[in-house]
Amino acid sequence: EITMVFFSCDGCGEVLKKNQVDAHSYRCRRCDSVSCADCQVSFFGDDYRKHTSCMTEVERYEKKGPQQQKNKKQTPQEIWMEVVQGSVESAPSNIQHYLGVIADLDNVPRKPKQFKNFAANSLNLRGKTGESIVSDIWDFLKVKQDERRAAAEAKKQELEQQTKSTLEKPAEERVDKRNKSLESADLSPETTSDAKPPSSGAADLKSVKKAMKTVLKKSKDNSLALKKLRKAVQAQLMLDKSYSKELKRLLKENAAKGNSFLLDGKTVKLKVSN
């Protein structure tokens, strides 16, 4: 996001830096509102103080603008300025005015020593009373900064969890798909739970033969129609539908060898040794 710096008076058109708006509003009788130089949104009263970022001309008129802006990482100084500018409204009454003045300034230091020197000079705060006010401002901003960091960390963890869930979802869908295929073949998911699918996502003659034996051992009369057997083996090995044609060929090739199976028309039976 980009920190806004310039506004224009809607009464006289004069271009102003953010920290010049208040003084100008006292001088210009026609200054009822000011507009952001980038997004052209008008702000009345003190509302302009809350305006720390907006959509730029590039984002509105160029297709690549929004994506580039979205992917741009904020600098620590930009984040700190958003903390300062966004904390004015919630600040305690004894420091709200001072914090409002600081929020209108550029390049507010992030380190405690530099910040306190900067605030004391900018606000003309001297003596023990001034030091106390400056310390209160710094302590308040640190609390707000910590709150922002905690919120950012929580959001990061939430996004990581969503990403993890998204990655796990296809695997869950594959298992659900496998179970439905087994049910359509009159088998239960437990029937083939002891077989291990090939890691490559494909199958060869040997792995298909092993799966055929596992499925047929658990089926009624150790036999199944070729179509049901193909579905059960496909689910057993977690193969995609695109592999159906090749799987059918491997099934028939195993069945035709006659060593372990009998092919009777469209039914495959497992040979059981006595």
Protein backbone atom coordinates (compact mmCIF):
# COMPACT_ATOMS: atom_id res chain seq x y z
CA GLU A 1 0.00 0.00 0.00
CA ILE A 2 1.05 3.60 -0.61
CA THR A 3 0.98 6.28 2.06
CA MET A 4 -0.96 9.35 0.90
CA VAL A 5 0.85 12.69 1.14
CA PHE A 6 -1.00 15.28 -0.97
CA PHE A 7 -4.55 16.63 -0.84
CA SER A 8 -6.26 19.43 -2.72
CA CYS A 9 -8.66 21.96 -1.22
CA ASP A 10 -12.15 21.54 -2.72
CA GLY A 11 -12.75 25.25 -2.19
CA CYS A 12 -9.73 26.92 -3.80
CA GLY A 13 -7.88 24.01 -5.39
CA GLU A 14 -4.59 24.54 -3.51
CA VAL A 15 -2.44 21.40 -3.25
CA LEU A 16 -1.51 20.56 0.34
CA LYS A 17 0.64 18.10 2.20
CA LYS A 18 -1.23 16.18 4.86
CA ASN A 19 0.29 18.20 7.70
CA GLN A 20 -0.80 21.45 6.02
CA VAL A 21 -4.51 20.68 5.81
CA ASP A 22 -5.51 21.93 9.27
CA ALA A 23 -3.72 25.28 8.92
CA HIS A 24 -5.20 25.80 5.45
CA SER A 25 -8.73 25.07 6.64
CA TYR A 26 -8.48 28.00 9.09
CA ARG A 27 -7.30 30.38 6.35
CA CYS A 28 -9.56 29.31 3.48
CA ARG A 29 -13.24 30.16 4.04
CA ARG A 30 -14.32 27.87 1.19
CA CYS A 31 -12.45 24.85 2.52
CA ASP A 32 -15.31 22.57 3.56
CA SER A 33 -13.48 19.45 2.37
CA VAL A 34 -10.25 18.22 0.79
CA SER A 35 -9.70 15.57 -1.87
CA CYS A 36 -6.95 12.97 -2.13
CA ALA A 37 -4.67 13.75 -5.06
CA ASP A 38 -4.51 10.07 -6.02
CA CYS A 39 -8.02 8.63 -5.62
CA GLN A 40 -10.02 11.93 -5.78
CA VAL A 41 -12.15 10.99 -2.74
CA SER A 42 -13.34 14.00 -0.72
CA PHE A 43 -12.98 14.15 3.07
CA PHE A 44 -14.84 16.44 5.45
CA GLY A 45 -13.63 17.65 8.83
CA ASP A 46 -10.85 15.48 10.24
CA ASP A 47 -11.76 12.42 8.15
CA TYR A 48 -8.70 12.96 5.95
CA ARG A 49 -6.49 11.87 8.86
CA LYS A 50 -7.73 8.29 8.52
CA HIS A 51 -6.86 8.19 4.83
CA THR A 52 -3.50 6.42 4.71
CA SER A 53 -3.84 4.38 1.49
CA CYS A 54 -5.97 4.16 -1.62
CA MET A 55 -6.22 2.87 -5.18
CA THR A 56 -3.81 4.68 -7.49
CA GLU A 57 -4.25 5.76 -11.09
CA VAL A 58 -2.19 2.76 -12.20
CA GLU A 59 -4.56 0.40 -10.41
CA ARG A 60 -7.66 2.00 -11.90
CA TYR A 61 -6.58 2.27 -15.52
CA GLU A 62 -3.92 -0.40 -16.13
CA LYS A 63 -4.72 -4.11 -16.05
CA LYS A 64 -1.41 -5.05 -14.45
CA GLY A 65 -1.63 -2.34 -11.83
CA PRO A 66 -3.77 -4.11 -9.18
CA GLN A 67 -1.78 -7.35 -9.34
CA GLN A 68 1.55 -5.55 -9.06
CA GLN A 69 0.29 -3.46 -6.16
CA LYS A 70 -1.21 -6.50 -4.42
CA ASN A 71 2.06 -8.40 -4.57
CA LYS A 72 4.20 -5.50 -3.37
CA LYS A 73 5.57 -6.09 0.10
CA GLN A 74 5.34 -3.20 2.54
CA THR A 75 8.53 -1.81 4.03
CA PRO A 76 8.90 -1.65 7.84
CA GLN A 77 8.60 2.15 7.64
CA GLU A 78 5.33 1.96 5.69
CA ILE A 79 3.91 -0.46 8.26
CA TRP A 80 5.03 1.79 11.11
CA MET A 81 3.44 4.87 9.51
CA GLU A 82 0.16 2.96 9.18
CA VAL A 83 0.36 2.12 12.88
CA VAL A 84 0.94 5.78 13.77
CA GLN A 85 -1.77 7.14 11.48
CA GLY A 86 -4.28 4.45 12.38
CA SER A 87 -3.87 4.94 16.14
CA VAL A 88 -5.02 8.56 16.37
CA GLU A 89 -8.74 7.89 16.78
CA SER A 90 -8.27 5.35 19.58
CA ALA A 91 -5.61 7.31 21.46
CA PRO A 92 -6.30 8.53 25.04
CA SER A 93 -7.49 12.13 25.22
CA ASN A 94 -4.28 13.36 26.88
CA ILE A 95 -2.13 12.36 23.89
CA GLN A 96 -4.63 12.29 21.00
CA HIS A 97 -3.88 15.82 19.81
CA TYR A 98 -0.12 15.26 19.91
CA LEU A 99 -0.39 11.94 18.12
CA GLY A 100 -2.56 13.56 15.45
CA VAL A 101 0.21 16.08 14.76
CA ILE A 102 2.85 13.34 14.56
CA ALA A 103 0.63 11.29 12.22
CA ASP A 104 0.68 14.17 9.73
CA LEU A 105 4.48 14.22 9.61
CA ASP A 106 6.68 12.19 7.28
CA ASN A 107 9.28 9.57 8.18
CA VAL A 108 8.41 9.20 11.85
CA PRO A 109 11.28 7.20 13.47
CA ARG A 110 10.61 3.61 14.57
CA LYS A 111 13.30 3.35 17.25
CA PRO A 112 12.44 4.56 20.79
CA LYS A 113 15.34 7.01 21.28
CA GLN A 114 15.02 8.58 17.83
CA PHE A 115 11.23 8.70 18.12
CA LYS A 116 11.28 10.48 21.46
CA ASN A 117 13.76 13.08 20.20
CA PHE A 118 11.70 13.54 17.04
CA ALA A 119 8.42 13.88 18.96
CA ALA A 120 9.87 16.26 21.56
CA ASN A 121 11.25 18.56 18.86
CA SER A 122 8.21 18.36 16.58
CA LEU A 123 5.72 18.95 19.41
CA ASN A 124 7.95 21.38 21.31
CA LEU A 125 7.63 19.33 24.48
CA ARG A 126 10.24 20.05 27.13
CA GLY A 127 10.87 19.26 30.78
CA LYS A 128 9.51 16.38 32.81
CA THR A 129 5.94 17.02 31.67
CA GLY A 130 6.99 16.90 28.03
CA GLU A 131 9.06 13.77 28.57
CA SER A 132 6.09 12.09 30.23
CA ILE A 133 3.79 12.92 27.31
CA VAL A 134 6.33 11.69 24.76
CA SER A 135 6.80 8.44 26.72
CA ASP A 136 3.02 7.95 26.86
CA ILE A 137 2.80 8.41 23.09
CA TRP A 138 5.59 5.90 22.48
CA ASP A 139 4.14 3.32 24.91
CA PHE A 140 0.71 3.62 23.28
CA LEU A 141 2.14 3.17 19.77
CA LYS A 142 4.14 0.11 20.86
CA VAL A 143 0.95 -1.51 22.16
CA LYS A 144 -0.76 -0.82 18.84
CA GLN A 145 2.23 -2.15 16.93
CA ASP A 146 2.20 -5.38 18.97
CA GLU A 147 -1.53 -5.77 18.35
CA ARG A 148 -0.98 -5.39 14.62
CA ARG A 149 1.81 -7.96 14.64
CA ALA A 150 -0.35 -10.43 16.57
CA ALA A 151 -3.21 -9.94 14.11
CA ALA A 152 -0.85 -10.39 11.16
CA GLU A 153 0.57 -13.59 12.66
CA ALA A 154 -2.93 -14.95 13.29
CA LYS A 155 -3.90 -14.18 9.70
CA LYS A 156 -0.73 -15.85 8.44
CA GLN A 157 -1.49 -19.02 10.41
CA GLU A 158 -5.06 -19.00 9.13
CA LEU A 159 -3.84 -18.75 5.52
CA GLU A 160 -1.35 -21.57 6.12
CA GLN A 161 -4.11 -23.75 7.53
CA GLN A 162 -6.35 -22.97 4.54
CA THR A 163 -3.51 -23.85 2.18
CA LYS A 164 -2.88 -27.10 4.04
CA SER A 165 -6.58 -27.99 3.89
CA THR A 166 -6.65 -27.25 0.16
CA LEU A 167 -3.68 -29.54 -0.45
CA GLU A 168 -5.19 -32.34 1.64
CA LYS A 169 -8.61 -32.12 0.01
CA PRO A 170 -7.70 -33.88 -3.29
CA ALA A 171 -6.32 -36.87 -1.36
CA GLU A 172 -9.54 -37.09 0.66
CA GLU A 173 -11.58 -36.90 -2.55
CA ARG A 174 -9.52 -39.72 -4.03
CA VAL A 175 -10.20 -41.95 -1.02
CA ASP A 176 -13.91 -41.10 -1.17
CA LYS A 177 -13.90 -41.84 -4.89
CA ARG A 178 -12.15 -45.15 -4.22
CA ASN A 179 -14.73 -46.15 -1.60
CA LYS A 180 -17.62 -45.34 -3.95
CA SER A 181 -16.04 -47.42 -6.69
CA LEU A 182 -15.63 -50.35 -4.30
CA GLU A 183 -19.28 -50.05 -3.27
CA SER A 184 -20.36 -50.12 -6.92
CA ALA A 185 -18.39 -53.36 -7.25
CA ASP A 186 -20.27 -54.87 -4.25
CA LEU A 187 -17.14 -54.64 -2.08
CA SER A 188 -16.45 -52.78 1.13
CA PRO A 189 -13.49 -50.37 1.53
CA GLU A 190 -12.01 -52.78 4.08
CA THR A 191 -11.91 -55.52 1.46
CA THR A 192 -8.83 -54.06 -0.14
CA SER A 193 -7.35 -52.04 2.72
CA ASP A 194 -4.31 -54.32 2.94
CA ALA A 195 -3.07 -53.64 -0.58
CA LYS A 196 -0.60 -50.88 -1.31
CA PRO A 197 -1.13 -48.69 -4.40
CA PRO A 198 1.86 -48.04 -6.66
CA SER A 199 3.59 -44.79 -5.83
CA SER A 200 3.76 -43.65 -9.46
CA GLY A 201 -0.01 -43.42 -9.87
CA ALA A 202 0.16 -46.04 -12.70
CA ALA A 203 0.20 -49.83 -12.67
CA ASP A 204 2.01 -52.72 -14.28
CA LEU A 205 1.09 -56.34 -14.94
CA LYS A 206 2.42 -57.53 -11.58
CA SER A 207 0.67 -54.92 -9.42
CA VAL A 208 -2.62 -55.48 -11.28
CA LYS A 209 -2.33 -59.24 -10.75
CA LYS A 210 -1.78 -58.73 -7.03
CA ALA A 211 -4.77 -56.41 -6.78
CA MET A 212 -6.94 -58.85 -8.75
CA LYS A 213 -6.10 -61.63 -6.28
CA THR A 214 -6.84 -59.39 -3.28
CA VAL A 215 -10.22 -58.33 -4.67
CA LEU A 216 -11.33 -61.78 -5.86
CA LYS A 217 -10.38 -63.46 -2.57
CA LYS A 218 -12.90 -61.25 -0.79
CA SER A 219 -15.65 -61.49 -3.40
CA LYS A 220 -18.45 -64.05 -3.52
CA ASP A 221 -17.33 -67.37 -5.09
CA ASN A 222 -13.96 -65.73 -5.72
CA SER A 223 -15.32 -64.31 -8.97
CA LEU A 224 -16.51 -61.01 -10.43
CA ALA A 225 -17.72 -59.66 -13.73
CA LEU A 226 -14.83 -58.16 -15.67
CA LYS A 227 -16.35 -54.66 -15.49
CA LYS A 228 -16.83 -54.82 -11.72
CA LEU A 229 -13.38 -56.27 -11.27
CA ARG A 230 -11.87 -53.44 -13.32
CA LYS A 231 -13.64 -50.83 -11.15
CA ALA A 232 -12.55 -52.55 -7.95
CA VAL A 233 -8.92 -52.86 -9.05
CA GLN A 234 -8.93 -49.28 -10.31
CA ALA A 235 -10.16 -48.12 -6.91
CA GLN A 236 -7.74 -50.44 -5.14
CA LEU A 237 -4.76 -48.96 -6.98
CA MET A 238 -6.21 -45.43 -6.91
CA LEU A 239 -5.88 -45.04 -10.66
CA ASP A 240 -7.39 -42.22 -12.68
CA LYS A 241 -10.18 -42.87 -15.16
CA SER A 242 -7.76 -42.04 -17.94
CA TYR A 243 -5.99 -45.32 -17.12
CA SER A 244 -9.12 -47.46 -17.61
CA LYS A 245 -8.25 -48.67 -21.11
CA GLU A 246 -4.75 -49.78 -20.15
CA LEU A 247 -6.08 -51.39 -16.95
CA LYS A 248 -8.63 -53.39 -18.92
CA ARG A 249 -5.82 -54.70 -21.14
CA LEU A 250 -3.73 -55.73 -18.13
CA LEU A 251 -6.72 -57.47 -16.52
CA LYS A 252 -7.42 -59.51 -19.64
CA GLU A 253 -3.74 -60.34 -20.09
CA ASN A 254 -3.49 -61.64 -16.51
CA ALA A 255 -6.75 -63.57 -16.82
CA ALA A 256 -5.73 -65.12 -20.17
CA LYS A 257 -2.52 -66.60 -18.78
CA GLY A 258 -4.59 -69.10 -16.80
CA ASN A 259 -2.07 -69.51 -14.01
CA SER A 260 -4.10 -67.83 -11.30
CA PHE A 261 -7.39 -66.92 -12.99
CA LEU A 262 -10.12 -68.40 -15.15
CA LEU A 263 -11.77 -66.18 -17.76
CA ASP A 264 -15.31 -67.36 -18.46
CA GLY A 265 -16.85 -64.98 -20.95
CA LYS A 266 -17.03 -61.69 -19.07
CA THR A 267 -16.41 -63.20 -15.64
CA VAL A 268 -13.04 -63.64 -13.98
CA LYS A 269 -12.60 -66.34 -11.32
CA LEU A 270 -9.68 -66.84 -9.01
CA LYS A 271 -8.16 -70.32 -9.02
CA VAL A 272 -8.09 -71.67 -5.49
CA SER A 273 -5.67 -74.47 -4.77
CA ASN A 274 -7.03 -77.35 -2.73
